Amino acid sequence: MHKVDFSANPPRLFVHYKRRYVIAILLGLFTATNFYQNYEYSAIADVVSKCFKVDVSDVNWTALLYNIGSVLAVYPTLKCIERFGFRISFIVASFANALGSCVKCLAVKNGLYGVLLLGQLFPASLTLFAMSLPAILGANWFKSDRVVIVIGINSAFGACGSVAAFLAPSLIFDQIGILESWFELFSTSVAIATFTSIVFAISVLIVQDKPPSPPSLAAVSRPRNSTDESISILLKNRNYFLLLITYSLVIGMLQVTLVILNQSILAQFVNGNRVVTIAGTLTIISGIPSSLVTAFLCEKCKRYRLLLNIFCFLVILFFTLYTIGLWLKIVPIIYLFIFFTGFTYVSLTVLLVDYIVEVTYPYPESRTLNIVFCVARIPGLIFIPISSLLIKHCGSTQANFLIIGIALFNFLISFMVTNDLRRHRINLKRDILSALN
């Protein structure tokens, strides 16, 4: 597809290549497999515990490694993207993702839990790539108003991967013996290793850093703007700082909701395993339509602050109604509002990522987003133990007031952000000049 910019002298032709869609799908598949491995073992902690003869709490380290890996890998990830660009970063990430899966195959075959954790460390250290590369792909290959759609679609792929992990207990490991568990565990490990290896091989052949010509005026203008600012200057950007706090708290609330879901529901229902499974699946699967709906909504409506205010309010509303359902032990209300809570969480993450790119333009997305994604892993490490203790000593409904309080704080912060869409203004200026010409 071609688009002429008449505001340039001489008029400039912007070309959009079909290869971008293939790259977006490959990136989505990488994200899906990476997110799947996040919950791959914690979702079947009882099975892994019996097979490897370790405590169930030890299995939780396979998921906790993702938080630790994100913090430790932020600097290498940032430097890799800045120095080598999108293509090499994607290929390195997909290779390490496949390598980790292969290492885990050997661990499962030989019953070596230490080697399993070593293999898990590879995808755990790559999660920042899965979250930061979509914005860079959108900026390099798509029109500016399509970047949020790229982010949304990639989030939907990630949700699909997470859902697949949570469906495994019911579809594969339900009421089977130890030998069958070993066989199924090895089979799924081989399957994910094969799939990630295919994604890596295709990415080597298909993925390119940038198209031959830029897709938008914002992409053209970026090199002419100063992007050599220090991180301290970036943090002085008031909108960026506020959005960083908001995004971190949203991720913290999402992690708390998922991680303590089992403990929270079982504290209310004696035989609540089925409720836990369905509620957890609904929370994650809601992210698939949410990512797509929010992406298209952001494309059409550039009043990001208003959208932020609305979504922050909806988190308070839906989670409060979910808490009431939990208190009254009304299962349909629990299912309904845990779905809408998850829907709103993911809507906020998609909106906030694109919002951050907008308010920090022309600062490189690799820096702005990797800092955000790293910081966002910290609140969960604090809120999860606190929530767990509150459930143990005060009860599920009382513990949920912690999340409601955090949501109220986020709602207040959302009114302090301004609608400073810098990247959008660049392209709007182009459209106005083109119309005048």
Protein backbone atom coordinates (compact mmCIF):
# COMPACT_ATOMS: atom_id res chain seq x y z
CA MET A 1 0.00 0.00 0.00
CA HIS A 2 1.29 3.47 -0.89
CA LYS A 3 0.52 6.85 0.62
CA VAL A 4 1.83 10.18 -0.64
CA ASP A 5 2.84 12.93 1.80
CA PHE A 6 2.26 16.21 -0.03
CA SER A 7 3.63 18.25 2.88
CA ALA A 8 7.15 17.13 2.04
CA ASN A 9 9.18 18.92 -0.61
CA PRO A 10 9.22 17.09 -2.93
CA PRO A 11 6.14 15.01 -1.93
CA ARG A 12 7.17 11.78 -0.20
CA LEU A 13 5.77 8.32 -0.88
CA PHE A 14 5.21 6.07 2.15
CA VAL A 15 5.16 2.35 1.34
CA HIS A 16 3.71 -0.35 3.61
CA TYR A 17 4.99 -3.87 2.99
CA LYS A 18 3.08 -7.14 3.44
CA ARG A 19 6.11 -8.69 5.13
CA ARG A 20 5.16 -6.70 8.27
CA TYR A 21 2.15 -8.96 8.87
CA VAL A 22 4.30 -12.13 8.76
CA ILE A 23 6.79 -10.57 11.19
CA ALA A 24 3.93 -9.53 13.50
CA ILE A 25 2.61 -13.13 13.52
CA LEU A 26 6.08 -14.53 14.25
CA LEU A 27 6.50 -12.07 17.10
CA GLY A 28 3.07 -13.06 18.41
CA LEU A 29 4.00 -16.76 18.33
CA PHE A 30 7.23 -16.01 20.17
CA THR A 31 5.27 -14.08 22.82
CA ALA A 32 2.68 -16.87 23.14
CA THR A 33 5.31 -19.56 23.71
CA ASN A 34 7.22 -17.33 26.14
CA PHE A 35 4.11 -16.55 28.19
CA TYR A 36 3.09 -20.23 28.09
CA GLN A 37 6.40 -21.20 29.69
CA ASN A 38 5.79 -18.65 32.45
CA TYR A 39 2.88 -20.74 33.81
CA GLU A 40 3.88 -24.08 32.24
CA TYR A 41 4.82 -25.76 35.52
CA SER A 42 3.14 -23.66 38.20
CA ALA A 43 -0.25 -24.45 36.59
CA ILE A 44 0.44 -28.16 37.21
CA ALA A 45 2.48 -27.71 40.40
CA ASP A 46 1.07 -30.88 41.99
CA VAL A 47 2.11 -32.98 38.97
CA VAL A 48 5.62 -31.49 38.79
CA SER A 49 5.97 -31.91 42.56
CA LYS A 50 5.23 -35.65 42.36
CA CYS A 51 7.34 -36.27 39.25
CA PHE A 52 10.47 -34.47 40.47
CA LYS A 53 9.86 -35.21 44.19
CA VAL A 54 10.09 -31.57 45.24
CA ASP A 55 7.83 -29.40 47.37
CA VAL A 56 4.99 -27.57 45.65
CA SER A 57 6.42 -24.26 46.84
CA ASP A 58 9.64 -25.08 44.97
CA VAL A 59 7.66 -25.37 41.74
CA ASN A 60 6.54 -21.76 42.16
CA TRP A 61 10.12 -20.73 41.47
CA THR A 62 9.54 -21.59 37.80
CA ALA A 63 7.11 -18.66 37.66
CA LEU A 64 9.00 -16.41 40.09
CA LEU A 65 12.05 -16.65 37.81
CA TYR A 66 10.14 -14.46 35.32
CA ASN A 67 10.03 -11.59 37.84
CA ILE A 68 13.67 -12.04 38.78
CA GLY A 69 14.78 -12.49 35.16
CA SER A 70 13.01 -9.31 34.08
CA VAL A 71 14.88 -7.24 36.66
CA LEU A 72 18.29 -8.82 35.97
CA ALA A 73 17.96 -8.77 32.18
CA VAL A 74 16.74 -5.20 31.73
CA TYR A 75 20.19 -3.75 30.95
CA PRO A 76 21.32 -6.54 28.54
CA THR A 77 17.93 -6.38 26.79
CA LEU A 78 18.14 -2.60 26.47
CA LYS A 79 21.67 -2.69 25.07
CA CYS A 80 20.89 -5.55 22.69
CA ILE A 81 17.95 -3.69 21.14
CA GLU A 82 19.81 -0.37 20.95
CA ARG A 83 23.01 -1.79 19.49
CA PHE A 84 21.75 -4.54 17.20
CA GLY A 85 18.23 -3.40 16.31
CA PHE A 86 14.96 -5.27 15.92
CA ARG A 87 16.05 -8.16 13.68
CA ILE A 88 19.06 -9.40 15.65
CA SER A 89 17.25 -8.87 18.96
CA PHE A 90 14.27 -10.92 17.76
CA ILE A 91 16.47 -13.72 16.42
CA VAL A 92 18.53 -13.87 19.62
CA ALA A 93 15.37 -13.91 21.75
CA SER A 94 13.68 -16.63 19.67
CA PHE A 95 16.87 -18.72 19.70
CA ALA A 96 17.20 -18.49 23.50
CA ASN A 97 13.49 -19.27 23.85
CA ALA A 98 13.96 -22.46 21.81
CA LEU A 99 17.20 -23.34 23.60
CA GLY A 100 15.55 -23.10 27.00
CA SER A 101 12.74 -25.38 25.82
CA CYS A 102 15.25 -27.98 24.60
CA VAL A 103 17.16 -27.87 27.90
CA LYS A 104 13.90 -28.52 29.75
CA CYS A 105 13.24 -31.56 27.54
CA LEU A 106 16.52 -33.06 28.78
CA ALA A 107 15.61 -32.14 32.36
CA VAL A 108 12.21 -33.84 32.16
CA LYS A 109 13.65 -36.93 30.47
CA ASN A 110 16.28 -37.38 33.18
CA GLY A 111 14.27 -36.10 36.15
CA LEU A 112 16.69 -33.26 36.94
CA TYR A 113 14.83 -30.40 38.61
CA GLY A 114 17.92 -28.18 38.81
CA VAL A 115 18.39 -28.46 35.05
CA LEU A 116 14.69 -27.67 34.63
CA LEU A 117 15.17 -24.38 36.51
CA LEU A 118 18.24 -23.66 34.35
CA GLY A 119 16.19 -24.17 31.20
CA GLN A 120 13.40 -22.01 32.61
CA LEU A 121 15.88 -19.19 33.17
CA PHE A 122 16.22 -18.71 29.39
CA PRO A 123 12.58 -17.78 28.61
CA ALA A 124 12.33 -15.96 31.96
CA SER A 125 15.14 -13.61 30.90
CA LEU A 126 13.47 -12.95 27.53
CA THR A 127 10.11 -11.69 28.69
CA LEU A 128 11.21 -8.05 28.26
CA PHE A 129 11.82 -8.76 24.56
CA ALA A 130 8.27 -10.09 24.25
CA MET A 131 6.89 -6.88 25.76
CA SER A 132 9.14 -4.25 24.15
CA LEU A 133 9.62 -5.55 20.58
CA PRO A 134 5.95 -5.06 19.50
CA ALA A 135 6.16 -1.27 19.91
CA ILE A 136 9.43 -1.21 17.96
CA LEU A 137 7.92 -3.38 15.21
CA GLY A 138 4.95 -1.01 15.03
CA ALA A 139 7.17 2.08 14.86
CA ASN A 140 9.45 0.58 12.19
CA TRP A 141 6.89 -1.10 9.92
CA PHE A 142 3.42 0.36 10.51
CA LYS A 143 1.70 3.72 10.38
CA SER A 144 1.78 5.54 13.72
CA ASP A 145 -1.92 5.02 14.40
CA ARG A 146 -1.47 1.27 13.86
CA VAL A 147 1.20 0.80 16.54
CA VAL A 148 -1.39 0.25 19.28
CA ILE A 149 -3.02 -2.46 17.13
CA VAL A 150 0.32 -4.28 16.86
CA ILE A 151 0.69 -4.06 20.65
CA GLY A 152 -2.88 -5.27 21.16
CA ILE A 153 -2.56 -8.24 18.82
CA ASN A 154 0.71 -9.27 20.47
CA SER A 155 -0.97 -9.07 23.88
CA ALA A 156 -3.72 -11.34 22.56
CA PHE A 157 -1.09 -13.89 21.49
CA GLY A 158 0.40 -13.71 24.98
CA ALA A 159 -3.01 -14.30 26.54
CA CYS A 160 -3.51 -17.35 24.31
CA GLY A 161 -0.21 -18.79 25.52
CA SER A 162 -1.11 -18.22 29.16
CA VAL A 163 -4.56 -19.77 28.70
CA ALA A 164 -3.01 -22.85 27.09
CA ALA A 165 -0.88 -23.37 30.19
CA PHE A 166 -3.88 -23.10 32.55
CA LEU A 167 -5.95 -25.50 30.44
CA ALA A 168 -3.31 -28.22 30.68
CA PRO A 169 -4.38 -29.48 34.15
CA SER A 170 -7.89 -30.25 32.92
CA LEU A 171 -7.13 -31.37 29.36
CA ILE A 172 -3.91 -33.37 29.84
CA PHE A 173 -3.07 -34.05 33.50
CA ASP A 174 -6.48 -34.72 34.98
CA GLN A 175 -6.62 -37.87 37.12
CA ILE A 176 -3.68 -39.74 35.61
CA GLY A 177 -0.97 -41.78 37.28
CA ILE A 178 2.68 -40.92 37.83
CA LEU A 179 3.92 -42.80 34.73
CA GLU A 180 1.32 -41.19 32.50
CA SER A 181 2.23 -37.81 34.02
CA TRP A 182 5.89 -38.33 33.12
CA PHE A 183 4.94 -39.24 29.54
CA GLU A 184 2.61 -36.26 29.10
CA LEU A 185 5.11 -33.89 30.70
CA PHE A 186 7.82 -35.04 28.31
CA SER A 187 5.46 -34.93 25.31
CA THR A 188 4.39 -31.34 26.00
CA SER A 189 8.04 -30.36 26.54
CA VAL A 190 9.01 -31.83 23.17
CA ALA A 191 6.05 -30.13 21.50
CA ILE A 192 6.94 -26.67 22.84
CA ALA A 193 10.63 -27.19 22.00
CA THR A 194 9.75 -28.15 18.43
CA PHE A 195 7.40 -25.21 17.99
CA THR A 196 9.84 -22.64 19.39
CA SER A 197 12.60 -24.04 17.17
CA ILE A 198 10.38 -23.62 14.10
CA VAL A 199 9.62 -20.01 15.07
CA PHE A 200 13.36 -19.36 15.42
CA ALA A 201 14.18 -20.92 12.03
CA ILE A 202 11.48 -18.93 10.21
CA SER A 203 12.48 -15.69 11.96
CA VAL A 204 16.04 -16.04 10.62
CA LEU A 205 14.65 -16.20 7.08
CA ILE A 206 11.84 -13.64 7.30
CA VAL A 207 12.52 -10.97 9.91
CA GLN A 208 14.12 -7.69 8.82
CA ASP A 209 15.09 -4.72 10.95
CA LYS A 210 13.26 -2.04 8.96
CA PRO A 211 11.48 -1.78 5.60
CA PRO A 212 13.33 -0.18 2.64
CA SER A 213 11.36 3.03 3.19
CA PRO A 214 9.80 4.43 6.40
CA PRO A 215 6.04 3.88 6.95
CA SER A 216 5.17 7.33 8.36
CA LEU A 217 6.34 10.89 8.89
CA ALA A 218 6.94 10.11 12.58
CA ALA A 219 9.43 7.41 11.54
CA VAL A 220 11.12 9.86 9.19
CA SER A 221 11.22 12.65 11.77
CA ARG A 222 12.65 10.54 14.58
CA PRO A 223 16.29 10.56 13.34
CA ARG A 224 16.19 14.33 13.03
CA ASN A 225 15.10 14.69 16.64
CA SER A 226 17.49 14.35 19.54
CA THR A 227 17.15 10.87 21.03
CA ASP A 228 20.42 11.03 22.91
CA GLU A 229 18.81 12.14 26.15
CA SER A 230 19.88 10.55 29.42
CA ILE A 231 17.55 8.44 31.51
CA SER A 232 17.45 11.18 34.15
CA ILE A 233 15.94 13.56 31.60
CA LEU A 234 13.43 10.87 30.65
CA LEU A 235 12.36 10.46 34.26
CA LYS A 236 11.79 14.22 34.48
CA ASN A 237 9.04 13.77 31.92
CA ARG A 238 6.06 14.09 34.31
CA ASN A 239 3.66 12.11 32.14
CA TYR A 240 6.16 9.28 31.72
CA PHE A 241 6.78 9.06 35.46
CA LEU A 242 3.04 8.98 36.26
CA LEU A 243 2.31 6.41 33.55
CA LEU A 244 5.23 4.27 34.77
CA ILE A 245 3.67 4.20 38.25
CA THR A 246 0.23 3.44 36.84
CA TYR A 247 1.45 0.61 34.59
CA SER A 248 3.51 -0.93 37.42
CA LEU A 249 0.53 -0.96 39.77
CA VAL A 250 -1.75 -2.46 37.09
CA ILE A 251 0.72 -5.30 36.49
CA GLY A 252 1.06 -5.73 40.25
CA MET A 253 -2.73 -6.00 40.67
CA LEU A 254 -2.97 -8.48 37.77
CA GLN A 255 -0.24 -10.68 39.25
CA VAL A 256 -1.79 -10.61 42.72
CA THR A 257 -5.23 -11.48 41.31
CA LEU A 258 -3.85 -14.52 39.46
CA VAL A 259 -1.32 -15.78 41.97
CA ILE A 260 -3.52 -15.62 45.08
CA LEU A 261 -6.65 -16.75 43.20
CA ASN A 262 -6.21 -20.33 44.37
CA GLN A 263 -5.70 -19.33 48.01
CA SER A 264 -8.45 -16.70 47.88
CA ILE A 265 -11.18 -18.94 46.49
CA LEU A 266 -10.26 -22.04 48.51
CA ALA A 267 -10.51 -19.91 51.66
CA GLN A 268 -14.20 -19.37 50.77
CA PHE A 269 -15.08 -22.71 49.14
CA VAL A 270 -14.07 -26.02 50.71
CA ASN A 271 -14.09 -27.86 47.36
CA GLY A 272 -13.31 -24.93 45.11
CA ASN A 273 -10.77 -26.41 42.69
CA ARG A 274 -13.21 -26.23 39.79
CA VAL A 275 -14.04 -22.61 40.66
CA VAL A 276 -10.32 -21.78 40.73
CA THR A 277 -9.72 -23.36 37.31
CA ILE A 278 -12.65 -21.62 35.63
CA ALA A 279 -12.01 -18.26 37.32
CA GLY A 280 -8.30 -18.35 36.39
CA THR A 281 -9.06 -19.26 32.79
CA LEU A 282 -11.67 -16.50 32.52
CA THR A 283 -9.23 -13.94 33.93
CA ILE A 284 -6.59 -14.73 31.33
CA ILE A 285 -8.82 -15.48 28.33
CA SER A 286 -10.50 -12.08 28.77
CA GLY A 287 -7.21 -10.56 27.62
CA ILE A 288 -7.72 -11.85 24.06
CA PRO A 289 -10.82 -9.78 23.14
CA SER A 290 -9.66 -6.99 25.47
CA SER A 291 -6.36 -6.53 23.60
CA LEU A 292 -8.07 -6.29 20.24
CA VAL A 293 -10.97 -4.09 21.35
CA THR A 294 -8.67 -1.64 23.15
CA ALA A 295 -6.26 -1.49 20.22
CA PHE A 296 -9.00 -0.50 17.77
CA LEU A 297 -10.52 1.88 20.32
CA CYS A 298 -7.19 3.66 20.77
CA GLU A 299 -6.78 3.89 17.01
CA LYS A 300 -10.11 5.68 16.62
CA CYS A 301 -10.09 7.75 19.83
CA LYS A 302 -6.99 9.77 20.68
CA ARG A 303 -8.35 10.99 24.02
CA TYR A 304 -6.04 8.69 25.91
CA ARG A 305 -6.42 10.43 29.26
CA LEU A 306 -10.20 10.00 29.16
CA LEU A 307 -9.79 6.31 28.28
CA LEU A 308 -7.31 5.95 31.14
CA ASN A 309 -9.76 7.55 33.60
CA ILE A 310 -12.58 5.25 32.47
CA PHE A 311 -10.54 2.03 32.61
CA CYS A 312 -9.11 2.88 36.06
CA PHE A 313 -12.63 3.44 37.36
CA LEU A 314 -13.85 0.18 35.82
CA VAL A 315 -11.11 -1.76 37.63
CA ILE A 316 -12.43 -0.43 40.94
CA LEU A 317 -16.03 -1.24 40.00
CA PHE A 318 -15.49 -4.74 38.62
CA PHE A 319 -13.06 -5.89 41.31
CA THR A 320 -15.38 -4.61 44.04
CA LEU A 321 -18.29 -6.55 42.53
CA TYR A 322 -16.05 -9.64 42.26
CA THR A 323 -15.17 -9.24 45.95
CA ILE A 324 -18.88 -9.00 46.85
CA GLY A 325 -19.52 -12.22 44.90
CA LEU A 326 -16.66 -13.88 46.77
CA TRP A 327 -18.04 -12.67 50.10
CA LEU A 328 -21.56 -13.91 49.30
CA LYS A 329 -20.16 -17.11 47.71
CA ILE A 330 -22.18 -16.57 44.51
CA VAL A 331 -20.18 -18.39 41.83
CA PRO A 332 -21.82 -16.80 38.71
CA ILE A 333 -21.00 -13.31 40.04
CA ILE A 334 -17.41 -14.43 40.71
CA TYR A 335 -17.08 -15.71 37.13
CA LEU A 336 -18.70 -12.67 35.55
CA PHE A 337 -16.73 -9.97 37.32
CA ILE A 338 -13.37 -11.78 37.43
CA PHE A 339 -13.71 -11.89 33.62
CA PHE A 340 -14.43 -8.17 33.39
CA THR A 341 -11.65 -7.39 35.86
CA GLY A 342 -9.15 -9.29 33.71
CA PHE A 343 -10.58 -7.60 30.61
CA THR A 344 -9.97 -4.16 32.12
CA TYR A 345 -6.48 -5.03 33.41
CA VAL A 346 -5.34 -5.96 29.90
CA SER A 347 -7.11 -2.95 28.36
CA LEU A 348 -5.08 -0.74 30.67
CA THR A 349 -1.78 -2.42 29.76
CA VAL A 350 -2.39 -2.00 26.01
CA LEU A 351 -3.48 1.62 26.42
CA LEU A 352 -0.60 2.49 28.77
CA VAL A 353 2.11 1.03 26.53
CA ASP A 354 0.98 3.11 23.55
CA TYR A 355 0.40 6.14 25.81
CA ILE A 356 4.00 5.88 27.07
CA VAL A 357 5.35 5.71 23.51
CA GLU A 358 3.31 8.81 22.65
CA VAL A 359 4.38 11.01 25.58
CA THR A 360 8.07 10.11 25.21
CA TYR A 361 8.38 10.46 21.41
CA PRO A 362 11.02 10.70 19.88
CA TYR A 363 12.84 8.92 22.72
CA PRO A 364 13.63 5.29 21.70
CA GLU A 365 10.91 2.82 22.66
CA SER A 366 13.56 0.28 23.67
CA ARG A 367 14.59 2.49 26.59
CA THR A 368 11.24 3.84 27.71
CA LEU A 369 9.44 0.50 27.66
CA ASN A 370 12.19 -1.68 29.09
CA ILE A 371 12.47 0.61 32.11
CA VAL A 372 8.70 0.42 32.56
CA PHE A 373 8.55 -3.37 32.17
CA CYS A 374 11.42 -3.83 34.64
CA VAL A 375 9.89 -1.58 37.31
CA ALA A 376 6.48 -3.21 36.76
CA ARG A 377 7.81 -6.51 38.11
CA ILE A 378 8.62 -5.03 41.52
CA PRO A 379 5.11 -4.35 42.98
CA GLY A 380 4.09 -7.98 42.54
CA LEU A 381 7.01 -9.12 44.67
CA ILE A 382 5.67 -6.89 47.46
CA PHE A 383 1.89 -7.19 47.07
CA ILE A 384 1.70 -10.99 46.64
CA PRO A 385 3.19 -11.92 50.06
CA ILE A 386 1.15 -9.19 51.78
CA SER A 387 -2.09 -10.40 50.15
CA SER A 388 -1.29 -14.00 51.04
CA LEU A 389 -0.78 -13.08 54.69
CA LEU A 390 -3.98 -11.02 54.74
CA ILE A 391 -5.98 -13.98 53.38
CA LYS A 392 -4.46 -16.24 56.01
CA HIS A 393 -5.16 -13.94 58.94
CA CYS A 394 -8.15 -11.82 57.83
CA GLY A 395 -9.93 -13.69 55.03
CA SER A 396 -10.30 -13.39 51.26
CA THR A 397 -12.71 -10.47 51.06
CA GLN A 398 -10.73 -8.37 53.53
CA ALA A 399 -7.50 -9.09 51.65
CA ASN A 400 -9.08 -7.88 48.41
CA PHE A 401 -9.37 -4.39 49.89
CA LEU A 402 -5.61 -4.06 49.30
CA ILE A 403 -6.18 -4.29 45.53
CA ILE A 404 -9.19 -1.98 45.72
CA GLY A 405 -7.03 0.57 47.57
CA ILE A 406 -4.30 0.31 44.92
CA ALA A 407 -6.93 0.74 42.19
CA LEU A 408 -8.26 3.88 43.89
CA PHE A 409 -4.74 5.31 44.03
CA ASN A 410 -4.29 4.57 40.32
CA PHE A 411 -7.60 6.28 39.55
CA LEU A 412 -6.40 9.46 41.27
CA ILE A 413 -3.07 9.39 39.41
CA SER A 414 -4.87 9.06 36.07
CA PHE A 415 -6.23 12.60 36.44
CA MET A 416 -2.71 14.02 36.75
CA VAL A 417 -1.64 12.82 33.28
CA THR A 418 -2.07 15.13 30.28
CA ASN A 419 -3.08 14.09 26.78
CA ASP A 420 0.36 14.91 25.33
CA LEU A 421 0.34 12.72 22.20
CA ARG A 422 3.58 13.89 20.57
CA ARG A 423 3.86 11.22 17.89
CA HIS A 424 0.22 11.73 16.92
CA ARG A 425 0.78 15.49 16.53
CA ILE A 426 3.61 14.90 14.06
CA ASN A 427 1.39 12.81 11.81
CA LEU A 428 -1.60 15.12 12.29
CA LYS A 429 0.54 18.02 11.07
CA ARG A 430 1.44 16.00 8.00
CA ASP A 431 -2.21 15.23 7.27
CA ILE A 432 -3.21 18.90 7.60
CA LEU A 433 -0.42 20.05 5.27
CA SER A 434 -1.28 17.29 2.81
CA ALA A 435 -4.94 18.37 2.82
CA LEU A 436 -3.97 22.01 2.21
CA ASN A 437 -1.79 21.00 -0.72
